Amino acid sequence: MNFSFHPEAEKEFYEAVDYYEDVEAGLGYDFALEVYSAIKRAMEFPKAWAILDGNVRRSLVKRFPYGILYFEEKNEIIILAVMHLHREPEYWKNRKR
């Protein structure tokens, strides 16, 4: 199984990496590793995570207050958002296909 980012989700991801790197050297890298671990878990067990809306699910990121919002399409995980869990919980809904 493969994955791809919605363009806005990819932007969110890189902005969060930059933010954490500004907080402390190496923390952005740690954040990126945890995000990719959450994506890997979603790819391995795509139906194991909580459904948020329709077919959109959320895989939580360890150590950081983020979730990976995704849905399955054929043999791919489409990441709709790299979402901070304490901010505007429904902002991503206009990204659904």
PDB file of N, CA and C in Angstrom:
ATOM      1  N   MET A   1       0.849  -1.182   0.000  1.00  0.00           N
ATOM      2  CA  MET A   1       0.000   0.000   0.000  1.00  0.00           C
ATOM      3  C   MET A   1       0.893   1.244   0.000  1.00  0.00           C
ATOM      4  N   ASN A   2       0.449   2.279  -0.682  1.00  0.00           N
ATOM      5  CA  ASN A   2       1.162   3.548  -0.763  1.00  0.00           C
ATOM      6  C   ASN A   2       0.373   4.634  -0.042  1.00  0.00           C
ATOM      7  N   PHE A   3       0.959   5.833   0.040  1.00  0.00           N
ATOM      8  CA  PHE A   3       0.231   6.970   0.585  1.00  0.00           C
ATOM      9  C   PHE A   3       0.588   8.218  -0.204  1.00  0.00           C
ATOM     10  N   SER A   4      -0.307   9.175  -0.128  1.00  0.00           N
ATOM     11  CA  SER A   4      -0.024  10.485  -0.715  1.00  0.00           C
ATOM     12  C   SER A   4      -0.711  11.543   0.141  1.00  0.00           C
ATOM     13  N   PHE A   5      -0.156  12.735   0.099  1.00  0.00           N
ATOM     14  CA  PHE A   5      -0.696  13.863   0.840  1.00  0.00           C
ATOM     15  C   PHE A   5      -1.604  14.701  -0.051  1.00  0.00           C
ATOM     16  N   HIS A   6      -2.717  15.142   0.485  1.00  0.00           N
ATOM     17  CA  HIS A   6      -3.450  16.246  -0.123  1.00  0.00           C
ATOM     18  C   HIS A   6      -2.481  17.427  -0.062  1.00  0.00           C
ATOM     19  N   PRO A   7      -2.438  18.293  -1.060  1.00  0.00           N
ATOM     20  CA  PRO A   7      -1.454  19.394  -1.044  1.00  0.00           C
ATOM     21  C   PRO A   7      -1.490  20.244   0.230  1.00  0.00           C
ATOM     22  N   GLU A   8      -2.669  20.504   0.756  1.00  0.00           N
ATOM     23  CA  GLU A   8      -2.756  21.305   1.982  1.00  0.00           C
ATOM     24  C   GLU A   8      -2.255  20.527   3.195  1.00  0.00           C
ATOM     25  N   ALA A   9      -2.450  19.211   3.205  1.00  0.00           N
ATOM     26  CA  ALA A   9      -1.945  18.384   4.305  1.00  0.00           C
ATOM     27  C   ALA A   9      -0.423  18.353   4.283  1.00  0.00           C
ATOM     28  N   GLU A  10       0.146  18.293   3.089  1.00  0.00           N
ATOM     29  CA  GLU A  10       1.605  18.301   2.978  1.00  0.00           C
ATOM     30  C   GLU A  10       2.168  19.631   3.489  1.00  0.00           C
ATOM     31  N   LYS A  11       1.494  20.706   3.160  1.00  0.00           N
ATOM     32  CA  LYS A  11       1.910  22.030   3.646  1.00  0.00           C
ATOM     33  C   LYS A  11       1.841  22.085   5.167  1.00  0.00           C
ATOM     34  N   GLU A  12       0.752  21.564   5.739  1.00  0.00           N
ATOM     35  CA  GLU A  12       0.616  21.528   7.207  1.00  0.00           C
ATOM     36  C   GLU A  12       1.753  20.746   7.845  1.00  0.00           C
ATOM     37  N   PHE A  13       2.077  19.625   7.232  1.00  0.00           N
ATOM     38  CA  PHE A  13       3.139  18.777   7.752  1.00  0.00           C
ATOM     39  C   PHE A  13       4.460  19.545   7.814  1.00  0.00           C
ATOM     40  N   TYR A  14       4.842  20.157   6.702  1.00  0.00           N
ATOM     41  CA  TYR A  14       6.123  20.881   6.669  1.00  0.00           C
ATOM     42  C   TYR A  14       6.123  22.098   7.589  1.00  0.00           C
ATOM     43  N   GLU A  15       4.989  22.767   7.712  1.00  0.00           N
ATOM     44  CA  GLU A  15       4.910  23.908   8.638  1.00  0.00           C
ATOM     45  C   GLU A  15       5.096  23.447  10.076  1.00  0.00           C
ATOM     46  N   ALA A  16       4.499  22.300  10.427  1.00  0.00           N
ATOM     47  CA  ALA A  16       4.648  21.771  11.786  1.00  0.00           C
ATOM     48  C   ALA A  16       6.082  21.320  12.045  1.00  0.00           C
ATOM     49  N   VAL A  17       6.721  20.698  11.054  1.00  0.00           N
ATOM     50  CA  VAL A  17       8.125  20.304  11.196  1.00  0.00           C
ATOM     51  C   VAL A  17       8.968  21.546  11.466  1.00  0.00           C
ATOM     52  N   ASP A  18       8.753  22.597  10.679  1.00  0.00           N
ATOM     53  CA  ASP A  18       9.509  23.844  10.854  1.00  0.00           C
ATOM     54  C   ASP A  18       9.260  24.459  12.228  1.00  0.00           C
ATOM     55  N   TYR A  19       7.995  24.443  12.661  1.00  0.00           N
ATOM     56  CA  TYR A  19       7.661  24.995  13.972  1.00  0.00           C
ATOM     57  C   TYR A  19       8.437  24.265  15.075  1.00  0.00           C
ATOM     58  N   TYR A  20       8.367  22.940  15.073  1.00  0.00           N
ATOM     59  CA  TYR A  20       9.036  22.172  16.126  1.00  0.00           C
ATOM     60  C   TYR A  20      10.550  22.304  16.045  1.00  0.00           C
ATOM     61  N   GLU A  21      11.080  22.445  14.846  1.00  0.00           N
ATOM     62  CA  GLU A  21      12.524  22.633  14.708  1.00  0.00           C
ATOM     63  C   GLU A  21      12.940  23.987  15.284  1.00  0.00           C
ATOM     64  N   ASP A  22      12.071  25.003  15.147  1.00  0.00           N
ATOM     65  CA  ASP A  22      12.351  26.315  15.739  1.00  0.00           C
ATOM     66  C   ASP A  22      12.294  26.262  17.267  1.00  0.00           C
ATOM     67  N   VAL A  23      11.433  25.406  17.805  1.00  0.00           N
ATOM     68  CA  VAL A  23      11.312  25.262  19.257  1.00  0.00           C
ATOM     69  C   VAL A  23      12.588  24.665  19.829  1.00  0.00           C
ATOM     70  N   GLU A  24      13.075  23.614  19.165  1.00  0.00           N
ATOM     71  CA  GLU A  24      14.295  22.936  19.637  1.00  0.00           C
ATOM     72  C   GLU A  24      14.927  22.170  18.481  1.00  0.00           C
ATOM     73  N   ALA A  25      16.202  22.315  18.313  1.00  0.00           N
ATOM     74  CA  ALA A  25      16.912  21.606  17.239  1.00  0.00           C
ATOM     75  C   ALA A  25      16.679  20.106  17.372  1.00  0.00           C
ATOM     76  N   GLY A  26      16.277  19.479  16.280  1.00  0.00           N
ATOM     77  CA  GLY A  26      16.022  18.040  16.275  1.00  0.00           C
ATOM     78  C   GLY A  26      14.587  17.662  16.563  1.00  0.00           C
ATOM     79  N   LEU A  27      13.811  18.567  17.151  1.00  0.00           N
ATOM     80  CA  LEU A  27      12.425  18.235  17.485  1.00  0.00           C
ATOM     81  C   LEU A  27      11.561  18.128  16.230  1.00  0.00           C
ATOM     82  N   GLY A  28      11.860  18.927  15.229  1.00  0.00           N
ATOM     83  CA  GLY A  28      11.141  18.815  13.961  1.00  0.00           C
ATOM     84  C   GLY A  28      11.357  17.456  13.324  1.00  0.00           C
ATOM     85  N   TYR A  29      12.575  16.973  13.395  1.00  0.00           N
ATOM     86  CA  TYR A  29      12.893  15.638  12.878  1.00  0.00           C
ATOM     87  C   TYR A  29      12.123  14.574  13.655  1.00  0.00           C
ATOM     88  N   ASP A  30      12.097  14.706  14.977  1.00  0.00           N
ATOM     89  CA  ASP A  30      11.345  13.754  15.809  1.00  0.00           C
ATOM     90  C   ASP A  30       9.863  13.761  15.438  1.00  0.00           C
ATOM     91  N   PHE A  31       9.317  14.958  15.227  1.00  0.00           N
ATOM     92  CA  PHE A  31       7.918  15.076  14.825  1.00  0.00           C
ATOM     93  C   PHE A  31       7.689  14.352  13.499  1.00  0.00           C
ATOM     94  N   ALA A  32       8.563  14.578  12.522  1.00  0.00           N
ATOM     95  CA  ALA A  32       8.422  13.934  11.220  1.00  0.00           C
ATOM     96  C   ALA A  32       8.447  12.408  11.357  1.00  0.00           C
ATOM     97  N   LEU A  33       9.343  11.887  12.183  1.00  0.00           N
ATOM     98  CA  LEU A  33       9.403  10.434  12.397  1.00  0.00           C
ATOM     99  C   LEU A  33       8.099   9.905  12.979  1.00  0.00           C
ATOM    100  N   GLU A  34       7.535  10.630  13.942  1.00  0.00           N
ATOM    101  CA  GLU A  34       6.279  10.189  14.559  1.00  0.00           C
ATOM    102  C   GLU A  34       5.111  10.264  13.575  1.00  0.00           C
ATOM    103  N   VAL A  35       5.100  11.285  12.727  1.00  0.00           N
ATOM    104  CA  VAL A  35       4.055  11.387  11.703  1.00  0.00           C
ATOM    105  C   VAL A  35       4.163  10.206  10.740  1.00  0.00           C
ATOM    106  N   TYR A  36       5.376   9.919  10.277  1.00  0.00           N
ATOM    107  CA  TYR A  36       5.540   8.791   9.361  1.00  0.00           C
ATOM    108  C   TYR A  36       5.212   7.459  10.032  1.00  0.00           C
ATOM    109  N   SER A  37       5.443   7.349  11.325  1.00  0.00           N
ATOM    110  CA  SER A  37       5.046   6.130  12.050  1.00  0.00           C
ATOM    111  C   SER A  37       3.528   6.004  12.080  1.00  0.00           C
ATOM    112  N   ALA A  38       2.834   7.119  12.294  1.00  0.00           N
ATOM    113  CA  ALA A  38       1.366   7.094  12.293  1.00  0.00           C
ATOM    114  C   ALA A  38       0.833   6.737  10.902  1.00  0.00           C
ATOM    115  N   ILE A  39       1.479   7.246   9.866  1.00  0.00           N
ATOM    116  CA  ILE A  39       1.083   6.912   8.494  1.00  0.00           C
ATOM    117  C   ILE A  39       1.323   5.427   8.234  1.00  0.00           C
ATOM    118  N   LYS A  40       2.451   4.926   8.684  1.00  0.00           N
ATOM    119  CA  LYS A  40       2.767   3.504   8.492  1.00  0.00           C
ATOM    120  C   LYS A  40       1.722   2.623   9.176  1.00  0.00           C
ATOM    121  N   ARG A  41       1.324   3.001  10.395  1.00  0.00           N
ATOM    122  CA  ARG A  41       0.286   2.226  11.097  1.00  0.00           C
ATOM    123  C   ARG A  41      -1.026   2.263  10.322  1.00  0.00           C
ATOM    124  N   ALA A  42      -1.357   3.422   9.769  1.00  0.00           N
ATOM    125  CA  ALA A  42      -2.589   3.546   8.976  1.00  0.00           C
ATOM    126  C   ALA A  42      -2.512   2.679   7.719  1.00  0.00           C
ATOM    127  N   MET A  43      -1.355   2.603   7.112  1.00  0.00           N
ATOM    128  CA  MET A  43      -1.189   1.784   5.911  1.00  0.00           C
ATOM    129  C   MET A  43      -1.269   0.293   6.243  1.00  0.00           C
ATOM    130  N   GLU A  44      -0.709  -0.097   7.384  1.00  0.00           N
ATOM    131  CA  GLU A  44      -0.715  -1.508   7.772  1.00  0.00           C
ATOM    132  C   GLU A  44      -2.096  -1.972   8.223  1.00  0.00           C
ATOM    133  N   PHE A  45      -2.816  -1.086   8.906  1.00  0.00           N
ATOM    134  CA  PHE A  45      -4.134  -1.426   9.450  1.00  0.00           C
ATOM    135  C   PHE A  45      -5.113  -0.292   9.148  1.00  0.00           C
ATOM    136  N   PRO A  46      -5.465  -0.097   7.888  1.00  0.00           N
ATOM    137  CA  PRO A  46      -6.237   1.079   7.492  1.00  0.00           C
ATOM    138  C   PRO A  46      -7.624   1.193   8.133  1.00  0.00           C
ATOM    139  N   LYS A  47      -8.201   0.092   8.538  1.00  0.00           N
ATOM    140  CA  LYS A  47      -9.547   0.145   9.127  1.00  0.00           C
ATOM    141  C   LYS A  47      -9.528   0.111  10.660  1.00  0.00           C
ATOM    142  N   ALA A  48      -8.353   0.147  11.244  1.00  0.00           N
ATOM    143  CA  ALA A  48      -8.228   0.016  12.697  1.00  0.00           C
ATOM    144  C   ALA A  48      -8.484   1.315  13.458  1.00  0.00           C
ATOM    145  N   TRP A  49      -8.452   2.438  12.779  1.00  0.00           N
ATOM    146  CA  TRP A  49      -8.507   3.735  13.466  1.00  0.00           C
ATOM    147  C   TRP A  49      -9.895   4.334  13.449  1.00  0.00           C
ATOM    148  N   ALA A  50     -10.119   5.244  14.350  1.00  0.00           N
ATOM    149  CA  ALA A  50     -11.436   5.849  14.553  1.00  0.00           C
ATOM    150  C   ALA A  50     -11.942   6.553  13.298  1.00  0.00           C
ATOM    151  N   ILE A  51     -13.228   6.345  12.990  1.00  0.00           N
ATOM    152  CA  ILE A  51     -13.874   7.047  11.884  1.00  0.00           C
ATOM    153  C   ILE A  51     -14.316   8.414  12.385  1.00  0.00           C
ATOM    154  N   LEU A  52     -13.973   9.446  11.632  1.00  0.00           N
ATOM    155  CA  LEU A  52     -14.386  10.807  11.995  1.00  0.00           C
ATOM    156  C   LEU A  52     -15.599  11.254  11.215  1.00  0.00           C
ATOM    157  N   ASP A  53     -15.618  10.940   9.933  1.00  0.00           N
ATOM    158  CA  ASP A  53     -16.695  11.416   9.076  1.00  0.00           C
ATOM    159  C   ASP A  53     -16.703  10.573   7.807  1.00  0.00           C
ATOM    160  N   GLY A  54     -17.802   9.899   7.529  1.00  0.00           N
ATOM    161  CA  GLY A  54     -17.880   9.066   6.327  1.00  0.00           C
ATOM    162  C   GLY A  54     -16.807   8.001   6.339  1.00  0.00           C
ATOM    163  N   ASN A  55     -15.873   8.091   5.397  1.00  0.00           N
ATOM    164  CA  ASN A  55     -14.791   7.114   5.321  1.00  0.00           C
ATOM    165  C   ASN A  55     -13.450   7.691   5.784  1.00  0.00           C
ATOM    166  N   VAL A  56     -13.476   8.850   6.417  1.00  0.00           N
ATOM    167  CA  VAL A  56     -12.247   9.494   6.900  1.00  0.00           C
ATOM    168  C   VAL A  56     -11.938   8.988   8.309  1.00  0.00           C
ATOM    169  N   ARG A  57     -10.706   8.552   8.490  1.00  0.00           N
ATOM    170  CA  ARG A  57     -10.256   8.020   9.775  1.00  0.00           C
ATOM    171  C   ARG A  57      -9.102   8.856  10.319  1.00  0.00           C
ATOM    172  N   ARG A  58      -8.790   8.628  11.599  1.00  0.00           N
ATOM    173  CA  ARG A  58      -7.705   9.374  12.237  1.00  0.00           C
ATOM    174  C   ARG A  58      -6.755   8.420  12.935  1.00  0.00           C
ATOM    175  N   SER A  59      -5.486   8.531  12.578  1.00  0.00           N
ATOM    176  CA  SER A  59      -4.407   7.810  13.253  1.00  0.00           C
ATOM    177  C   SER A  59      -3.657   8.839  14.094  1.00  0.00           C
ATOM    178  N   LEU A  60      -3.526   8.580  15.382  1.00  0.00           N
ATOM    179  CA  LEU A  60      -2.887   9.544  16.273  1.00  0.00           C
ATOM    180  C   LEU A  60      -1.369   9.480  16.177  1.00  0.00           C
ATOM    181  N   VAL A  61      -0.757  10.642  16.332  1.00  0.00           N
ATOM    182  CA  VAL A  61       0.692  10.774  16.322  1.00  0.00           C
ATOM    183  C   VAL A  61       1.171  10.697  17.769  1.00  0.00           C
ATOM    184  N   LYS A  62       2.116   9.830  18.038  1.00  0.00           N
ATOM    185  CA  LYS A  62       2.652   9.704  19.400  1.00  0.00           C
ATOM    186  C   LYS A  62       3.535  10.904  19.734  1.00  0.00           C
ATOM    187  N   ARG A  63       3.543  11.293  21.020  1.00  0.00           N
ATOM    188  CA  ARG A  63       4.383  12.367  21.568  1.00  0.00           C
ATOM    189  C   ARG A  63       3.934  13.777  21.202  1.00  0.00           C
ATOM    190  N   PHE A  64       3.097  13.931  20.187  1.00  0.00           N
ATOM    191  CA  PHE A  64       2.696  15.255  19.724  1.00  0.00           C
ATOM    192  C   PHE A  64       1.172  15.298  19.604  1.00  0.00           C
ATOM    193  N   PRO A  65       0.563  16.471  19.805  1.00  0.00           N
ATOM    194  CA  PRO A  65      -0.911  16.555  19.763  1.00  0.00           C
ATOM    195  C   PRO A  65      -1.444  16.662  18.331  1.00  0.00           C
ATOM    196  N   TYR A  66      -1.150  15.662  17.523  1.00  0.00           N
ATOM    197  CA  TYR A  66      -1.550  15.660  16.120  1.00  0.00           C
ATOM    198  C   TYR A  66      -2.224  14.347  15.760  1.00  0.00           C
ATOM    199  N   GLY A  67      -3.033  14.424  14.731  1.00  0.00           N
ATOM    200  CA  GLY A  67      -3.640  13.243  14.146  1.00  0.00           C
ATOM    201  C   GLY A  67      -3.480  13.291  12.644  1.00  0.00           C
ATOM    202  N   ILE A  68      -3.390  12.129  12.024  1.00  0.00           N
ATOM    203  CA  ILE A  68      -3.318  12.007  10.578  1.00  0.00           C
ATOM    204  C   ILE A  68      -4.716  11.614  10.116  1.00  0.00           C
ATOM    205  N   LEU A  69      -5.361  12.491   9.362  1.00  0.00           N
ATOM    206  CA  LEU A  69      -6.691  12.206   8.831  1.00  0.00           C
ATOM    207  C   LEU A  69      -6.539  11.678   7.418  1.00  0.00           C
ATOM    208  N   TYR A  70      -7.152  10.528   7.158  1.00  0.00           N
ATOM    209  CA  TYR A  70      -6.938   9.859   5.881  1.00  0.00           C
ATOM    210  C   TYR A  70      -8.157   9.054   5.477  1.00  0.00           C
ATOM    211  N   PHE A  71      -8.157   8.648   4.209  1.00  0.00           N
ATOM    212  CA  PHE A  71      -9.121   7.677   3.733  1.00  0.00           C
ATOM    213  C   PHE A  71      -8.416   6.754   2.743  1.00  0.00           C
ATOM    214  N   GLU A  72      -9.009   5.599   2.550  1.00  0.00           N
ATOM    215  CA  GLU A  72      -8.459   4.612   1.619  1.00  0.00           C
ATOM    216  C   GLU A  72      -9.069   4.823   0.242  1.00  0.00           C
ATOM    217  N   GLU A  73      -8.224   4.704  -0.764  1.00  0.00           N
ATOM    218  CA  GLU A  73      -8.705   4.738  -2.143  1.00  0.00           C
ATOM    219  C   GLU A  73      -7.892   3.719  -2.919  1.00  0.00           C
ATOM    220  N   LYS A  74      -8.569   2.669  -3.380  1.00  0.00           N
ATOM    221  CA  LYS A  74      -7.899   1.548  -4.047  1.00  0.00           C
ATOM    222  C   LYS A  74      -6.815   1.008  -3.126  1.00  0.00           C
ATOM    223  N   ASN A  75      -5.571   1.043  -3.536  1.00  0.00           N
ATOM    224  CA  ASN A  75      -4.488   0.515  -2.702  1.00  0.00           C
ATOM    225  C   ASN A  75      -3.617   1.655  -2.176  1.00  0.00           C
ATOM    226  N   GLU A  76      -4.285   2.746  -1.746  1.00  0.00           N
ATOM    227  CA  GLU A  76      -3.560   3.933  -1.318  1.00  0.00           C
ATOM    228  C   GLU A  76      -4.274   4.602  -0.151  1.00  0.00           C
ATOM    229  N   ILE A  77      -3.484   5.201   0.721  1.00  0.00           N
ATOM    230  CA  ILE A  77      -3.995   6.043   1.799  1.00  0.00           C
ATOM    231  C   ILE A  77      -3.821   7.491   1.337  1.00  0.00           C
ATOM    232  N   ILE A  78      -4.913   8.243   1.332  1.00  0.00           N
ATOM    233  CA  ILE A  78      -4.861   9.661   0.983  1.00  0.00           C
ATOM    234  C   ILE A  78      -4.932  10.447   2.293  1.00  0.00           C
ATOM    235  N   ILE A  79      -3.912  11.220   2.576  1.00  0.00           N
ATOM    236  CA  ILE A  79      -3.861  11.995   3.820  1.00  0.00           C
ATOM    237  C   ILE A  79      -4.475  13.358   3.570  1.00  0.00           C
ATOM    238  N   LEU A  80      -5.598  13.591   4.231  1.00  0.00           N
ATOM    239  CA  LEU A  80      -6.323  14.859   4.067  1.00  0.00           C
ATOM    240  C   LEU A  80      -5.779  15.960   4.956  1.00  0.00           C
ATOM    241  N   ALA A  81      -5.251  15.576   6.117  1.00  0.00           N
ATOM    242  CA  ALA A  81      -4.778  16.600   7.053  1.00  0.00           C
ATOM    243  C   ALA A  81      -3.758  16.017   8.016  1.00  0.00           C
ATOM    244  N   VAL A  82      -2.823  16.855   8.394  1.00  0.00           N
ATOM    245  CA  VAL A  82      -1.924  16.599   9.511  1.00  0.00           C
ATOM    246  C   VAL A  82      -2.383  17.615  10.539  1.00  0.00           C
ATOM    247  N   MET A  83      -3.334  17.191  11.362  1.00  0.00           N
ATOM    248  CA  MET A  83      -4.152  18.094  12.158  1.00  0.00           C
ATOM    249  C   MET A  83      -3.699  18.195  13.613  1.00  0.00           C
ATOM    250  N   HIS A  84      -3.521  19.427  14.060  1.00  0.00           N
ATOM    251  CA  HIS A  84      -3.299  19.674  15.487  1.00  0.00           C
ATOM    252  C   HIS A  84      -4.626  19.387  16.178  1.00  0.00           C
ATOM    253  N   LEU A  85      -4.610  18.588  17.207  1.00  0.00           N
ATOM    254  CA  LEU A  85      -5.846  18.110  17.828  1.00  0.00           C
ATOM    255  C   LEU A  85      -6.557  19.144  18.697  1.00  0.00           C
ATOM    256  N   HIS A  86      -5.930  20.272  18.943  1.00  0.00           N
ATOM    257  CA  HIS A  86      -6.554  21.281  19.805  1.00  0.00           C
ATOM    258  C   HIS A  86      -6.963  22.532  19.042  1.00  0.00           C
ATOM    259  N   ARG A  87      -7.070  22.426  17.728  1.00  0.00           N
ATOM    260  CA  ARG A  87      -7.448  23.571  16.897  1.00  0.00           C
ATOM    261  C   ARG A  87      -8.540  23.181  15.918  1.00  0.00           C
ATOM    262  N   GLU A  88      -9.411  24.080  15.610  1.00  0.00           N
ATOM    263  CA  GLU A  88     -10.468  23.948  14.604  1.00  0.00           C
ATOM    264  C   GLU A  88     -10.674  22.519  14.081  1.00  0.00           C
ATOM    265  N   PRO A  89     -11.456  21.718  14.753  1.00  0.00           N
ATOM    266  CA  PRO A  89     -11.545  20.302  14.420  1.00  0.00           C
ATOM    267  C   PRO A  89     -12.177  19.967  13.063  1.00  0.00           C
ATOM    268  N   GLU A  90     -12.885  20.858  12.435  1.00  0.00           N
ATOM    269  CA  GLU A  90     -13.558  20.503  11.183  1.00  0.00           C
ATOM    270  C   GLU A  90     -13.028  21.247   9.963  1.00  0.00           C
ATOM    271  N   TYR A  91     -11.916  21.926  10.085  1.00  0.00           N
ATOM    272  CA  TYR A  91     -11.402  22.740   8.983  1.00  0.00           C
ATOM    273  C   TYR A  91     -11.074  21.929   7.733  1.00  0.00           C
ATOM    274  N   TRP A  92     -10.763  20.682   7.870  1.00  0.00           N
ATOM    275  CA  TRP A  92     -10.322  19.824   6.782  1.00  0.00           C
ATOM    276  C   TRP A  92     -11.450  19.302   5.906  1.00  0.00           C
ATOM    277  N   LYS A  93     -12.688  19.446   6.347  1.00  0.00           N
ATOM    278  CA  LYS A  93     -13.814  18.808   5.649  1.00  0.00           C
ATOM    279  C   LYS A  93     -13.992  19.270   4.214  1.00  0.00           C
ATOM    280  N   ASN A  94     -13.555  20.471   3.892  1.00  0.00           N
ATOM    281  CA  ASN A  94     -13.694  20.914   2.488  1.00  0.00           C
ATOM    282  C   ASN A  94     -12.676  20.245   1.568  1.00  0.00           C
ATOM    283  N   ARG A  95     -11.785  19.440   2.099  1.00  0.00           N
ATOM    284  CA  ARG A  95     -10.767  18.745   1.314  1.00  0.00           C
ATOM    285  C   ARG A  95     -11.248  17.393   0.791  1.00  0.00           C
ATOM    286  N   LYS A  96     -12.359  16.924   1.305  1.00  0.00           N
ATOM    287  CA  LYS A  96     -12.842  15.609   0.893  1.00  0.00           C
ATOM    288  C   LYS A  96     -13.215  15.621  -0.578  1.00  0.00           C
ATOM    289  N   ARG A  97     -12.967  14.522  -1.230  1.00  0.00           N
ATOM    290  CA  ARG A  97     -13.309  14.411  -2.660  1.00  0.00           C
ATOM    291  C   ARG A  97     -14.760  14.091  -2.832  1.00  0.00           C
TER     292      ARG A  97
END
